[in-house]
Amino acid sequence: MLCEQCNKAEATVHITEVVAEAPGEMKKRDLCEACFSQSELAKKVHGKTIPASTCDYCGAPAVTGWAAGVWGADGAGGEESHFLCEQCQEDLKRKGPDRAA
């Protein structure tokens, strides 16, 4: 699948956003790493981009990551992000989240 922005590179970043103005509505995006790293969404991930981040499990340079809005029962909100290196990403695929690194 090609990047929906540049239509040249392979889309390796797949994003599903919940649209705040329309609860229950989701917006999907498929981007290459270069287009994603230049996007506003990349800057929202705690001000970090994937290449500038480290793996949550082992501290190696990250190759993938995701962010999510988190809201408590009291309505207090926040955002959390997670980053993985290539090896830990493979470990998670094979073993599950409790067995990485």
PDB file of N, CA and C in Angstrom:
ATOM      1  N   MET A   1       0.848  -1.172   0.000  1.00  0.00           N
ATOM      2  CA  MET A   1       0.000   0.000   0.000  1.00  0.00           C
ATOM      3  C   MET A   1       0.897   1.240   0.000  1.00  0.00           C
ATOM      4  N   LEU A   2       0.584   2.172  -0.848  1.00  0.00           N
ATOM      5  CA  LEU A   2       1.364   3.410  -0.941  1.00  0.00           C
ATOM      6  C   LEU A   2       0.891   4.439   0.072  1.00  0.00           C
ATOM      7  N   CYS A   3       1.800   5.314   0.439  1.00  0.00           N
ATOM      8  CA  CYS A   3       1.506   6.425   1.344  1.00  0.00           C
ATOM      9  C   CYS A   3       0.410   7.287   0.729  1.00  0.00           C
ATOM     10  N   GLU A   4      -0.593   7.619   1.517  1.00  0.00           N
ATOM     11  CA  GLU A   4      -1.703   8.418   0.993  1.00  0.00           C
ATOM     12  C   GLU A   4      -1.327   9.883   0.779  1.00  0.00           C
ATOM     13  N   GLN A   5      -0.202  10.320   1.339  1.00  0.00           N
ATOM     14  CA  GLN A   5       0.202  11.709   1.171  1.00  0.00           C
ATOM     15  C   GLN A   5       1.105  11.908  -0.041  1.00  0.00           C
ATOM     16  N   CYS A   6       2.185  11.119  -0.130  1.00  0.00           N
ATOM     17  CA  CYS A   6       3.131  11.314  -1.234  1.00  0.00           C
ATOM     18  C   CYS A   6       2.856  10.378  -2.415  1.00  0.00           C
ATOM     19  N   ASN A   7       2.132   9.310  -2.181  1.00  0.00           N
ATOM     20  CA  ASN A   7       1.812   8.323  -3.223  1.00  0.00           C
ATOM     21  C   ASN A   7       3.047   7.745  -3.906  1.00  0.00           C
ATOM     22  N   LYS A   8       4.175   7.698  -3.177  1.00  0.00           N
ATOM     23  CA  LYS A   8       5.418   7.166  -3.744  1.00  0.00           C
ATOM     24  C   LYS A   8       5.981   6.025  -2.903  1.00  0.00           C
ATOM     25  N   ALA A   9       6.130   6.266  -1.615  1.00  0.00           N
ATOM     26  CA  ALA A   9       6.765   5.296  -0.726  1.00  0.00           C
ATOM     27  C   ALA A   9       5.719   4.352  -0.127  1.00  0.00           C
ATOM     28  N   GLU A  10       6.204   3.210   0.354  1.00  0.00           N
ATOM     29  CA  GLU A  10       5.342   2.234   1.014  1.00  0.00           C
ATOM     30  C   GLU A  10       4.831   2.813   2.334  1.00  0.00           C
ATOM     31  N   ALA A  11       3.543   2.667   2.598  1.00  0.00           N
ATOM     32  CA  ALA A  11       2.954   3.122   3.859  1.00  0.00           C
ATOM     33  C   ALA A  11       3.327   2.129   4.953  1.00  0.00           C
ATOM     34  N   THR A  12       4.095   2.591   5.931  1.00  0.00           N
ATOM     35  CA  THR A  12       4.503   1.732   7.036  1.00  0.00           C
ATOM     36  C   THR A  12       3.950   2.217   8.366  1.00  0.00           C
ATOM     37  N   VAL A  13       3.336   3.394   8.373  1.00  0.00           N
ATOM     38  CA  VAL A  13       2.722   3.944   9.577  1.00  0.00           C
ATOM     39  C   VAL A  13       1.216   3.971   9.343  1.00  0.00           C
ATOM     40  N   HIS A  14       0.499   3.229  10.166  1.00  0.00           N
ATOM     41  CA  HIS A  14      -0.954   3.119  10.018  1.00  0.00           C
ATOM     42  C   HIS A  14      -1.593   3.689  11.276  1.00  0.00           C
ATOM     43  N   ILE A  15      -2.406   4.717  11.100  1.00  0.00           N
ATOM     44  CA  ILE A  15      -2.945   5.488  12.216  1.00  0.00           C
ATOM     45  C   ILE A  15      -4.461   5.421  12.202  1.00  0.00           C
ATOM     46  N   THR A  16      -5.038   5.228  13.371  1.00  0.00           N
ATOM     47  CA  THR A  16      -6.481   5.344  13.532  1.00  0.00           C
ATOM     48  C   THR A  16      -6.710   6.401  14.599  1.00  0.00           C
ATOM     49  N   GLU A  17      -7.372   7.477  14.215  1.00  0.00           N
ATOM     50  CA  GLU A  17      -7.650   8.569  15.150  1.00  0.00           C
ATOM     51  C   GLU A  17      -9.135   8.579  15.473  1.00  0.00           C
ATOM     52  N   VAL A  18      -9.464   8.855  16.730  1.00  0.00           N
ATOM     53  CA  VAL A  18     -10.844   9.069  17.115  1.00  0.00           C
ATOM     54  C   VAL A  18     -11.104  10.562  16.939  1.00  0.00           C
ATOM     55  N   VAL A  19     -12.148  10.900  16.214  1.00  0.00           N
ATOM     56  CA  VAL A  19     -12.471  12.294  15.934  1.00  0.00           C
ATOM     57  C   VAL A  19     -13.211  12.870  17.136  1.00  0.00           C
ATOM     58  N   ALA A  20     -12.579  13.835  17.818  1.00  0.00           N
ATOM     59  CA  ALA A  20     -13.134  14.396  19.058  1.00  0.00           C
ATOM     60  C   ALA A  20     -14.497  15.045  18.844  1.00  0.00           C
ATOM     61  N   GLU A  21     -14.672  15.672  17.692  1.00  0.00           N
ATOM     62  CA  GLU A  21     -15.925  16.381  17.426  1.00  0.00           C
ATOM     63  C   GLU A  21     -17.075  15.444  17.096  1.00  0.00           C
ATOM     64  N   ALA A  22     -16.770  14.185  16.785  1.00  0.00           N
ATOM     65  CA  ALA A  22     -17.796  13.218  16.407  1.00  0.00           C
ATOM     66  C   ALA A  22     -17.498  11.885  17.097  1.00  0.00           C
ATOM     67  N   PRO A  23     -17.867  11.746  18.372  1.00  0.00           N
ATOM     68  CA  PRO A  23     -17.575  10.520  19.108  1.00  0.00           C
ATOM     69  C   PRO A  23     -18.024   9.275  18.338  1.00  0.00           C
ATOM     70  N   GLY A  24     -17.183   8.289  18.335  1.00  0.00           N
ATOM     71  CA  GLY A  24     -17.482   7.050  17.616  1.00  0.00           C
ATOM     72  C   GLY A  24     -16.973   7.048  16.191  1.00  0.00           C
ATOM     73  N   GLU A  25     -16.636   8.222  15.658  1.00  0.00           N
ATOM     74  CA  GLU A  25     -16.112   8.295  14.291  1.00  0.00           C
ATOM     75  C   GLU A  25     -14.599   8.131  14.325  1.00  0.00           C
ATOM     76  N   MET A  26     -14.089   7.334  13.401  1.00  0.00           N
ATOM     77  CA  MET A  26     -12.652   7.084  13.325  1.00  0.00           C
ATOM     78  C   MET A  26     -12.125   7.553  11.974  1.00  0.00           C
ATOM     79  N   LYS A  27     -10.898   8.057  12.002  1.00  0.00           N
ATOM     80  CA  LYS A  27     -10.228   8.504  10.784  1.00  0.00           C
ATOM     81  C   LYS A  27      -8.962   7.673  10.633  1.00  0.00           C
ATOM     82  N   LYS A  28      -8.824   6.962   9.523  1.00  0.00           N
ATOM     83  CA  LYS A  28      -7.644   6.127   9.300  1.00  0.00           C
ATOM     84  C   LYS A  28      -6.709   6.787   8.308  1.00  0.00           C
ATOM     85  N   ARG A  29      -5.411   6.659   8.577  1.00  0.00           N
ATOM     86  CA  ARG A  29      -4.392   7.223   7.697  1.00  0.00           C
ATOM     87  C   ARG A  29      -3.294   6.192   7.502  1.00  0.00           C
ATOM     88  N   ASP A  30      -2.758   6.130   6.302  1.00  0.00           N
ATOM     89  CA  ASP A  30      -1.662   5.224   5.967  1.00  0.00           C
ATOM     90  C   ASP A  30      -0.557   6.068   5.339  1.00  0.00           C
ATOM     91  N   LEU A  31       0.564   6.201   6.070  1.00  0.00           N
ATOM     92  CA  LEU A  31       1.642   7.088   5.646  1.00  0.00           C
ATOM     93  C   LEU A  31       2.981   6.361   5.628  1.00  0.00           C
ATOM     94  N   CYS A  32       3.912   6.884   4.849  1.00  0.00           N
ATOM     95  CA  CYS A  32       5.288   6.398   4.915  1.00  0.00           C
ATOM     96  C   CYS A  32       5.948   7.091   6.121  1.00  0.00           C
ATOM     97  N   GLU A  33       7.086   6.580   6.540  1.00  0.00           N
ATOM     98  CA  GLU A  33       7.782   7.136   7.708  1.00  0.00           C
ATOM     99  C   GLU A  33       8.126   8.614   7.504  1.00  0.00           C
ATOM    100  N   ALA A  34       8.560   8.972   6.294  1.00  0.00           N
ATOM    101  CA  ALA A  34       8.957  10.362   6.026  1.00  0.00           C
ATOM    102  C   ALA A  34       7.769  11.315   6.155  1.00  0.00           C
ATOM    103  N   CYS A  35       6.632  10.959   5.575  1.00  0.00           N
ATOM    104  CA  CYS A  35       5.456  11.834   5.663  1.00  0.00           C
ATOM    105  C   CYS A  35       4.921  11.896   7.085  1.00  0.00           C
ATOM    106  N   PHE A  36       4.919  10.750   7.774  1.00  0.00           N
ATOM    107  CA  PHE A  36       4.457  10.757   9.165  1.00  0.00           C
ATOM    108  C   PHE A  36       5.341  11.631  10.037  1.00  0.00           C
ATOM    109  N   SER A  37       6.659  11.502   9.887  1.00  0.00           N
ATOM    110  CA  SER A  37       7.564  12.251  10.762  1.00  0.00           C
ATOM    111  C   SER A  37       7.435  13.758  10.572  1.00  0.00           C
ATOM    112  N   GLN A  38       6.895  14.197   9.438  1.00  0.00           N
ATOM    113  CA  GLN A  38       6.686  15.625   9.180  1.00  0.00           C
ATOM    114  C   GLN A  38       5.276  16.075   9.539  1.00  0.00           C
ATOM    115  N   SER A  39       4.426  15.148   9.956  1.00  0.00           N
ATOM    116  CA  SER A  39       3.028  15.476  10.225  1.00  0.00           C
ATOM    117  C   SER A  39       2.847  16.110  11.604  1.00  0.00           C
ATOM    118  N   GLU A  40       1.733  16.780  11.781  1.00  0.00           N
ATOM    119  CA  GLU A  40       1.386  17.366  13.078  1.00  0.00           C
ATOM    120  C   GLU A  40       1.168  16.270  14.113  1.00  0.00           C
ATOM    121  N   LEU A  41       0.637  15.138  13.683  1.00  0.00           N
ATOM    122  CA  LEU A  41       0.391  14.042  14.613  1.00  0.00           C
ATOM    123  C   LEU A  41       1.686  13.543  15.236  1.00  0.00           C
ATOM    124  N   ALA A  42       2.738  13.464  14.448  1.00  0.00           N
ATOM    125  CA  ALA A  42       4.030  13.017  14.985  1.00  0.00           C
ATOM    126  C   ALA A  42       4.505  13.969  16.073  1.00  0.00           C
ATOM    127  N   LYS A  43       4.266  15.255  15.911  1.00  0.00           N
ATOM    128  CA  LYS A  43       4.689  16.239  16.914  1.00  0.00           C
ATOM    129  C   LYS A  43       3.858  16.149  18.185  1.00  0.00           C
ATOM    130  N   LYS A  44       2.635  15.613  18.080  1.00  0.00           N
ATOM    131  CA  LYS A  44       1.767  15.487  19.241  1.00  0.00           C
ATOM    132  C   LYS A  44       2.168  14.338  20.146  1.00  0.00           C
ATOM    133  N   VAL A  45       2.945  13.414  19.662  1.00  0.00           N
ATOM    134  CA  VAL A  45       3.326  12.244  20.454  1.00  0.00           C
ATOM    135  C   VAL A  45       4.364  12.687  21.485  1.00  0.00           C
ATOM    136  N   HIS A  46       3.867  13.437  22.473  1.00  0.00           N
ATOM    137  CA  HIS A  46       4.704  13.978  23.545  1.00  0.00           C
ATOM    138  C   HIS A  46       5.891  14.761  22.998  1.00  0.00           C
ATOM    139  N   GLY A  47       5.677  15.430  21.880  1.00  0.00           N
ATOM    140  CA  GLY A  47       6.742  16.240  21.309  1.00  0.00           C
ATOM    141  C   GLY A  47       7.867  15.423  20.700  1.00  0.00           C
ATOM    142  N   LYS A  48       7.678  14.123  20.586  1.00  0.00           N
ATOM    143  CA  LYS A  48       8.727  13.257  20.049  1.00  0.00           C
ATOM    144  C   LYS A  48       8.310  12.701  18.697  1.00  0.00           C
ATOM    145  N   THR A  49       9.270  12.302  17.934  1.00  0.00           N
ATOM    146  CA  THR A  49       8.998  11.509  16.741  1.00  0.00           C
ATOM    147  C   THR A  49       9.666  10.162  16.955  1.00  0.00           C
ATOM    148  N   ILE A  50       9.257   9.175  16.217  1.00  0.00           N
ATOM    149  CA  ILE A  50       9.791   7.831  16.404  1.00  0.00           C
ATOM    150  C   ILE A  50      11.321   7.811  16.320  1.00  0.00           C
ATOM    151  N   PRO A  51      11.950   8.416  15.287  1.00  0.00           N
ATOM    152  CA  PRO A  51      13.418   8.347  15.229  1.00  0.00           C
ATOM    153  C   PRO A  51      14.118   9.021  16.412  1.00  0.00           C
ATOM    154  N   ALA A  52      13.447   9.924  17.102  1.00  0.00           N
ATOM    155  CA  ALA A  52      14.059  10.619  18.234  1.00  0.00           C
ATOM    156  C   ALA A  52      13.761   9.923  19.560  1.00  0.00           C
ATOM    157  N   SER A  53      13.106   8.754  19.512  1.00  0.00           N
ATOM    158  CA  SER A  53      12.677   8.066  20.724  1.00  0.00           C
ATOM    159  C   SER A  53      13.452   6.775  20.938  1.00  0.00           C
ATOM    160  N   THR A  54      13.303   6.226  22.139  1.00  0.00           N
ATOM    161  CA  THR A  54      13.948   4.953  22.463  1.00  0.00           C
ATOM    162  C   THR A  54      12.887   3.940  22.855  1.00  0.00           C
ATOM    163  N   CYS A  55      13.240   2.684  22.741  1.00  0.00           N
ATOM    164  CA  CYS A  55      12.358   1.565  23.052  1.00  0.00           C
ATOM    165  C   CYS A  55      11.975   1.584  24.533  1.00  0.00           C
ATOM    166  N   ASP A  56      10.693   1.379  24.830  1.00  0.00           N
ATOM    167  CA  ASP A  56      10.213   1.325  26.207  1.00  0.00           C
ATOM    168  C   ASP A  56      10.806   0.148  26.978  1.00  0.00           C
ATOM    169  N   TYR A  57      11.162  -0.926  26.274  1.00  0.00           N
ATOM    170  CA  TYR A  57      11.627  -2.144  26.940  1.00  0.00           C
ATOM    171  C   TYR A  57      13.137  -2.174  27.165  1.00  0.00           C
ATOM    172  N   CYS A  58      13.916  -1.817  26.125  1.00  0.00           N
ATOM    173  CA  CYS A  58      15.365  -2.004  26.243  1.00  0.00           C
ATOM    174  C   CYS A  58      16.180  -0.722  26.057  1.00  0.00           C
ATOM    175  N   GLY A  59      15.557   0.354  25.611  1.00  0.00           N
ATOM    176  CA  GLY A  59      16.266   1.616  25.450  1.00  0.00           C
ATOM    177  C   GLY A  59      16.971   1.805  24.114  1.00  0.00           C
ATOM    178  N   ALA A  60      16.870   0.820  23.216  1.00  0.00           N
ATOM    179  CA  ALA A  60      17.474   0.944  21.885  1.00  0.00           C
ATOM    180  C   ALA A  60      16.689   1.962  21.053  1.00  0.00           C
ATOM    181  N   PRO A  61      17.254   2.450  19.936  1.00  0.00           N
ATOM    182  CA  PRO A  61      16.518   3.387  19.078  1.00  0.00           C
ATOM    183  C   PRO A  61      15.188   2.783  18.599  1.00  0.00           C
ATOM    184  N   ALA A  62      14.135   3.560  18.680  1.00  0.00           N
ATOM    185  CA  ALA A  62      12.797   3.084  18.300  1.00  0.00           C
ATOM    186  C   ALA A  62      12.625   3.067  16.781  1.00  0.00           C
ATOM    187  N   VAL A  63      11.855   2.095  16.301  1.00  0.00           N
ATOM    188  CA  VAL A  63      11.500   2.018  14.881  1.00  0.00           C
ATOM    189  C   VAL A  63       9.995   2.117  14.677  1.00  0.00           C
ATOM    190  N   THR A  64       9.234   2.008  15.758  1.00  0.00           N
ATOM    191  CA  THR A  64       7.787   2.106  15.671  1.00  0.00           C
ATOM    192  C   THR A  64       7.257   2.657  16.982  1.00  0.00           C
ATOM    193  N   GLY A  65       6.049   3.159  16.944  1.00  0.00           N
ATOM    194  CA  GLY A  65       5.455   3.700  18.163  1.00  0.00           C
ATOM    195  C   GLY A  65       3.996   4.021  17.959  1.00  0.00           C
ATOM    196  N   TRP A  66       3.330   4.300  19.055  1.00  0.00           N
ATOM    197  CA  TRP A  66       1.934   4.686  18.981  1.00  0.00           C
ATOM    198  C   TRP A  66       1.598   5.560  20.174  1.00  0.00           C
ATOM    199  N   ALA A  67       0.501   6.287  20.046  1.00  0.00           N
ATOM    200  CA  ALA A  67       0.033   7.154  21.123  1.00  0.00           C
ATOM    201  C   ALA A  67      -1.465   6.987  21.251  1.00  0.00           C
ATOM    202  N   ALA A  68      -1.960   7.243  22.445  1.00  0.00           N
ATOM    203  CA  ALA A  68      -3.393   7.125  22.680  1.00  0.00           C
ATOM    204  C   ALA A  68      -3.815   8.163  23.701  1.00  0.00           C
ATOM    205  N   GLY A  69      -5.002   8.698  23.510  1.00  0.00           N
ATOM    206  CA  GLY A  69      -5.598   9.558  24.514  1.00  0.00           C
ATOM    207  C   GLY A  69      -6.169   8.665  25.603  1.00  0.00           C
ATOM    208  N   VAL A  70      -5.977   9.045  26.849  1.00  0.00           N
ATOM    209  CA  VAL A  70      -6.448   8.246  27.970  1.00  0.00           C
ATOM    210  C   VAL A  70      -7.291   9.145  28.864  1.00  0.00           C
ATOM    211  N   TRP A  71      -8.500   8.701  29.181  1.00  0.00           N
ATOM    212  CA  TRP A  71      -9.378   9.476  30.037  1.00  0.00           C
ATOM    213  C   TRP A  71      -9.842   8.622  31.196  1.00  0.00           C
ATOM    214  N   GLY A  72      -9.808   9.186  32.385  1.00  0.00           N
ATOM    215  CA  GLY A  72     -10.265   8.474  33.576  1.00  0.00           C
ATOM    216  C   GLY A  72     -11.756   8.648  33.771  1.00  0.00           C
ATOM    217  N   ALA A  73     -12.312   7.927  34.737  1.00  0.00           N
ATOM    218  CA  ALA A  73     -13.738   8.002  35.036  1.00  0.00           C
ATOM    219  C   ALA A  73     -14.142   9.405  35.476  1.00  0.00           C
ATOM    220  N   ASP A  74     -13.191  10.149  36.037  1.00  0.00           N
ATOM    221  CA  ASP A  74     -13.478  11.512  36.482  1.00  0.00           C
ATOM    222  C   ASP A  74     -13.411  12.533  35.357  1.00  0.00           C
ATOM    223  N   GLY A  75     -13.116  12.065  34.146  1.00  0.00           N
ATOM    224  CA  GLY A  75     -13.042  12.953  32.996  1.00  0.00           C
ATOM    225  C   GLY A  75     -11.677  13.552  32.761  1.00  0.00           C
ATOM    226  N   ALA A  76     -10.743  13.318  33.697  1.00  0.00           N
ATOM    227  CA  ALA A  76      -9.387  13.844  33.522  1.00  0.00           C
ATOM    228  C   ALA A  76      -8.721  13.104  32.370  1.00  0.00           C
ATOM    229  N   GLY A  77      -8.094  13.850  31.507  1.00  0.00           N
ATOM    230  CA  GLY A  77      -7.492  13.237  30.326  1.00  0.00           C
ATOM    231  C   GLY A  77      -6.000  13.397  30.274  1.00  0.00           C
ATOM    232  N   GLY A  78      -5.421  12.646  29.412  1.00  0.00           N
ATOM    233  CA  GLY A  78      -3.992  12.710  29.197  1.00  0.00           C
ATOM    234  C   GLY A  78      -3.644  11.942  27.937  1.00  0.00           C
ATOM    235  N   GLU A  79      -2.393  11.847  27.676  1.00  0.00           N
ATOM    236  CA  GLU A  79      -1.945  11.125  26.493  1.00  0.00           C
ATOM    237  C   GLU A  79      -0.773  10.249  26.892  1.00  0.00           C
ATOM    238  N   GLU A  80      -0.725   9.067  26.343  1.00  0.00           N
ATOM    239  CA  GLU A  80       0.409   8.201  26.594  1.00  0.00           C
ATOM    240  C   GLU A  80       0.966   7.741  25.261  1.00  0.00           C
ATOM    241  N   SER A  81       2.248   7.469  25.247  1.00  0.00           N
ATOM    242  CA  SER A  81       2.882   6.991  24.020  1.00  0.00           C
ATOM    243  C   SER A  81       3.807   5.839  24.361  1.00  0.00           C
ATOM    244  N   HIS A  82       4.030   4.991  23.383  1.00  0.00           N
ATOM    245  CA  HIS A  82       4.880   3.821  23.544  1.00  0.00           C
ATOM    246  C   HIS A  82       5.747   3.677  22.306  1.00  0.00           C
ATOM    247  N   PHE A  83       7.005   3.277  22.506  1.00  0.00           N
ATOM    248  CA  PHE A  83       7.933   3.122  21.393  1.00  0.00           C
ATOM    249  C   PHE A  83       8.648   1.786  21.509  1.00  0.00           C
ATOM    250  N   LEU A  84       8.953   1.166  20.368  1.00  0.00           N
ATOM    251  CA  LEU A  84       9.624  -0.128  20.331  1.00  0.00           C
ATOM    252  C   LEU A  84      10.770  -0.123  19.338  1.00  0.00           C
ATOM    253  N   CYS A  85      11.834  -0.861  19.670  1.00  0.00           N
ATOM    254  CA  CYS A  85      12.920  -1.099  18.712  1.00  0.00           C
ATOM    255  C   CYS A  85      12.510  -2.301  17.848  1.00  0.00           C
ATOM    256  N   GLU A  86      13.294  -2.583  16.830  1.00  0.00           N
ATOM    257  CA  GLU A  86      12.959  -3.675  15.917  1.00  0.00           C
ATOM    258  C   GLU A  86      12.931  -5.029  16.631  1.00  0.00           C
ATOM    259  N   GLN A  87      13.923  -5.301  17.486  1.00  0.00           N
ATOM    260  CA  GLN A  87      13.987  -6.599  18.172  1.00  0.00           C
ATOM    261  C   GLN A  87      12.817  -6.793  19.126  1.00  0.00           C
ATOM    262  N   CYS A  88      12.504  -5.790  19.922  1.00  0.00           N
ATOM    263  CA  CYS A  88      11.394  -5.912  20.871  1.00  0.00           C
ATOM    264  C   CYS A  88      10.057  -5.998  20.146  1.00  0.00           C
ATOM    265  N   GLN A  89       9.932  -5.335  19.010  1.00  0.00           N
ATOM    266  CA  GLN A  89       8.716  -5.445  18.209  1.00  0.00           C
ATOM    267  C   GLN A  89       8.528  -6.893  17.762  1.00  0.00           C
ATOM    268  N   GLU A  90       9.609  -7.535  17.313  1.00  0.00           N
ATOM    269  CA  GLU A  90       9.536  -8.942  16.907  1.00  0.00           C
ATOM    270  C   GLU A  90       9.224  -9.831  18.105  1.00  0.00           C
ATOM    271  N   ASP A  91       9.849  -9.550  19.245  1.00  0.00           N
ATOM    272  CA  ASP A  91       9.578 -10.328  20.453  1.00  0.00           C
ATOM    273  C   ASP A  91       8.114 -10.228  20.855  1.00  0.00           C
ATOM    274  N   LEU A  92       7.544  -9.027  20.775  1.00  0.00           N
ATOM    275  CA  LEU A  92       6.135  -8.842  21.122  1.00  0.00           C
ATOM    276  C   LEU A  92       5.228  -9.630  20.183  1.00  0.00           C
ATOM    277  N   LYS A  93       5.564  -9.657  18.915  1.00  0.00           N
ATOM    278  CA  LYS A  93       4.765 -10.417  17.954  1.00  0.00           C
ATOM    279  C   LYS A  93       4.789 -11.906  18.290  1.00  0.00           C
ATOM    280  N   ARG A  94       5.967 -12.410  18.669  1.00  0.00           N
ATOM    281  CA  ARG A  94       6.125 -13.841  18.950  1.00  0.00           C
ATOM    282  C   ARG A  94       5.641 -14.251  20.339  1.00  0.00           C
ATOM    283  N   LYS A  95       5.958 -13.449  21.342  1.00  0.00           N
ATOM    284  CA  LYS A  95       5.765 -13.890  22.729  1.00  0.00           C
ATOM    285  C   LYS A  95       4.667 -13.175  23.482  1.00  0.00           C
ATOM    286  N   GLY A  96       4.284 -11.975  23.079  1.00  0.00           N
ATOM    287  CA  GLY A  96       3.306 -11.202  23.833  1.00  0.00           C
ATOM    288  C   GLY A  96       3.972 -10.135  24.672  1.00  0.00           C
ATOM    289  N   PRO A  97       3.220  -9.139  25.156  1.00  0.00           N
ATOM    290  CA  PRO A  97       3.784  -7.979  25.846  1.00  0.00           C
ATOM    291  C   PRO A  97       4.517  -8.281  27.137  1.00  0.00           C
ATOM    292  N   ASP A  98       4.172  -9.352  27.834  1.00  0.00           N
ATOM    293  CA  ASP A  98       4.841  -9.648  29.104  1.00  0.00           C
ATOM    294  C   ASP A  98       6.191 -10.321  28.926  1.00  0.00           C
ATOM    295  N   ARG A  99       6.556 -10.679  27.691  1.00  0.00           N
ATOM    296  CA  ARG A  99       7.772 -11.428  27.439  1.00  0.00           C
ATOM    297  C   ARG A  99       8.804 -10.672  26.628  1.00  0.00           C
ATOM    298  N   ALA A 100       8.550  -9.412  26.279  1.00  0.00           N
ATOM    299  CA  ALA A 100       9.480  -8.647  25.457  1.00  0.00           C
ATOM    300  C   ALA A 100      10.745  -8.329  26.241  1.00  0.00           C
ATOM    301  N   ALA A 101      11.832  -8.165  25.511  1.00  0.00           N
ATOM    302  CA  ALA A 101      13.157  -7.778  26.016  1.00  0.00           C
ATOM    303  C   ALA A 101      13.761  -8.722  27.009  1.00  0.00           C
TER     304      ALA A 101
END
